[in-house]
Amino acid sequence: MRRALVCLFAMIGLLTGCSPAQNTAIAMHPPASPFTALLLLDGVSVINTQKTLEDHVVSWVNGQDCSLVRASMGDHYCVDNTPPPTEPRTTYCYKSLARVSCYDQRLASDESRYVGSRVDMVPVKTP
């Protein structure tokens, strides 16, 4: 995000049209057309987010993740951006000779080497 803001401010600085001309109208005339500015902003957007400015608007209106770059690679233009359902999974960790080993169930025989447990959210497997 910081890189995008730096690029945006750099482009704005390039498009200000500062010139040593005496006439204010000439000095305030932008050196590039609005189309060129839009093309530059589109390029920065694609580099940083893999989406054009138009893709951002369509994604916002549509409520999905839309990308022309993804569509050009042969994938769908818009995909659902809801994360897959997850479920908690607990792993139990025990000290061994050289490291800590973790298992998906408690080991009654190794209670003296028990270190702790960890709960991770993992995607639900669909049949």
Protein backbone atom coordinates (compact mmCIF):
# COMPACT_ATOMS: atom_id res chain seq x y z
CA MET A 1 0.00 0.00 0.00
CA ARG A 2 2.84 2.39 0.81
CA ARG A 3 4.43 1.69 -2.58
CA ALA A 4 1.16 2.55 -4.31
CA LEU A 5 0.93 5.89 -2.51
CA VAL A 6 4.52 6.76 -3.38
CA CYS A 7 3.86 5.97 -7.04
CA LEU A 8 0.64 8.01 -6.98
CA PHE A 9 2.37 11.07 -5.52
CA ALA A 10 5.24 10.70 -7.98
CA MET A 11 2.81 10.67 -10.91
CA ILE A 12 0.94 13.66 -9.55
CA GLY A 13 4.27 15.48 -9.30
CA LEU A 14 5.06 14.62 -12.92
CA LEU A 15 1.66 15.78 -14.08
CA THR A 16 1.65 19.17 -12.31
CA GLY A 17 3.08 20.94 -15.30
CA CYS A 18 5.57 23.18 -13.55
CA SER A 19 7.41 25.21 -16.15
CA PRO A 20 9.53 28.36 -16.12
CA ALA A 21 7.09 30.16 -18.43
CA GLN A 22 6.06 33.73 -17.61
CA ASN A 23 2.43 33.23 -18.55
CA THR A 24 0.33 31.60 -15.81
CA ALA A 25 -1.97 29.90 -18.32
CA ILE A 26 0.99 28.22 -19.99
CA ALA A 27 2.57 27.27 -16.66
CA MET A 28 -0.65 25.70 -15.36
CA HIS A 29 -1.28 23.66 -18.51
CA PRO A 30 -0.77 19.96 -17.70
CA PRO A 31 1.93 18.30 -19.81
CA ALA A 32 -0.19 15.16 -20.32
CA SER A 33 -3.78 14.56 -21.34
CA PRO A 34 -6.30 13.11 -18.86
CA PHE A 35 -6.22 9.89 -20.89
CA THR A 36 -2.47 9.60 -20.28
CA ALA A 37 -2.96 10.20 -16.55
CA LEU A 38 -5.68 7.53 -16.44
CA LEU A 39 -3.41 5.12 -18.30
CA LEU A 40 -0.58 5.75 -15.83
CA LEU A 41 -2.89 5.25 -12.84
CA ASP A 42 -4.22 2.05 -14.43
CA GLY A 43 -0.65 0.79 -14.83
CA VAL A 44 0.23 1.52 -11.20
CA SER A 45 -2.99 -0.15 -10.07
CA VAL A 46 -2.29 -3.31 -12.10
CA ILE A 47 1.29 -3.49 -10.80
CA ASN A 48 0.24 -3.18 -7.14
CA THR A 49 -3.14 -4.97 -7.02
CA GLN A 50 -3.39 -7.05 -10.23
CA LYS A 51 -6.59 -5.07 -10.97
CA THR A 52 -7.32 -2.07 -13.20
CA LEU A 53 -9.20 0.96 -11.89
CA GLU A 54 -12.28 -0.27 -13.72
CA ASP A 55 -11.90 -3.67 -12.03
CA HIS A 56 -11.93 -1.94 -8.63
CA VAL A 57 -15.18 -0.16 -9.53
CA VAL A 58 -16.80 -3.36 -10.84
CA SER A 59 -15.65 -5.26 -7.72
CA TRP A 60 -17.10 -2.58 -5.46
CA VAL A 61 -20.46 -2.52 -7.29
CA ASN A 62 -20.62 -6.29 -7.77
CA GLY A 63 -19.41 -7.34 -4.32
CA GLN A 64 -17.04 -9.87 -5.88
CA ASP A 65 -13.32 -9.92 -6.70
CA CYS A 66 -13.06 -8.98 -10.39
CA SER A 67 -9.76 -8.81 -12.30
CA LEU A 68 -8.98 -8.40 -15.98
CA VAL A 69 -5.50 -9.79 -15.38
CA ARG A 70 -6.98 -13.01 -13.97
CA ALA A 71 -9.40 -13.22 -16.93
CA SER A 72 -6.52 -12.81 -19.41
CA MET A 73 -4.84 -15.85 -17.81
CA GLY A 74 -7.91 -17.97 -18.61
CA ASP A 75 -9.64 -17.81 -15.23
CA HIS A 76 -13.02 -16.23 -14.41
CA TYR A 77 -13.29 -12.43 -14.47
CA CYS A 78 -15.19 -12.27 -11.17
CA VAL A 79 -14.85 -14.73 -8.30
CA ASP A 80 -16.61 -14.85 -4.96
CA ASN A 81 -14.38 -13.28 -2.32
CA THR A 82 -15.93 -14.94 0.72
CA PRO A 83 -13.39 -17.07 2.57
CA PRO A 84 -13.98 -20.82 2.71
CA PRO A 85 -15.54 -22.15 5.92
CA THR A 86 -13.08 -23.16 8.60
CA GLU A 87 -13.13 -25.38 11.66
CA PRO A 88 -10.84 -25.47 14.70
CA ARG A 89 -8.20 -28.20 14.89
CA THR A 90 -6.20 -28.80 18.06
CA THR A 91 -2.68 -30.22 17.97
CA TYR A 92 -0.85 -31.50 21.05
CA CYS A 93 2.92 -31.05 21.24
CA TYR A 94 5.50 -33.17 23.09
CA LYS A 95 9.25 -32.82 23.60
CA SER A 96 11.39 -35.43 21.93
CA LEU A 97 15.16 -35.85 21.94
CA ALA A 98 15.98 -33.17 19.36
CA ARG A 99 12.77 -31.22 18.80
CA VAL A 100 9.08 -30.80 19.59
CA SER A 101 6.65 -33.10 17.76
CA CYS A 102 2.94 -32.34 17.43
CA TYR A 103 0.04 -34.78 17.04
CA ASP A 104 -3.69 -34.44 16.47
CA GLN A 105 -4.57 -36.37 19.65
CA ARG A 106 -3.17 -36.56 23.17
CA LEU A 107 -0.69 -39.31 23.95
CA ALA A 108 -1.33 -40.75 27.41
CA SER A 109 2.06 -42.48 27.47
CA ASP A 110 3.98 -39.21 26.98
CA GLU A 111 2.28 -36.90 29.51
CA SER A 112 5.63 -36.14 31.20
CA ARG A 113 6.97 -34.67 27.91
CA TYR A 114 3.82 -32.63 27.16
CA VAL A 115 4.67 -29.04 26.10
CA GLY A 116 1.30 -27.57 25.17
CA SER A 117 -1.45 -27.46 22.60
CA ARG A 118 -2.33 -25.20 19.71
CA VAL A 119 -5.66 -24.49 18.00
CA ASP A 120 -5.58 -23.69 14.27
CA MET A 121 -8.47 -22.75 12.01
CA VAL A 122 -8.28 -25.04 8.96
CA PRO A 123 -10.53 -25.15 5.87
CA VAL A 124 -13.39 -27.62 6.01
CA LYS A 125 -12.90 -30.59 3.71
CA THR A 126 -15.83 -31.00 1.33
CA PRO A 127 -16.76 -34.53 0.29
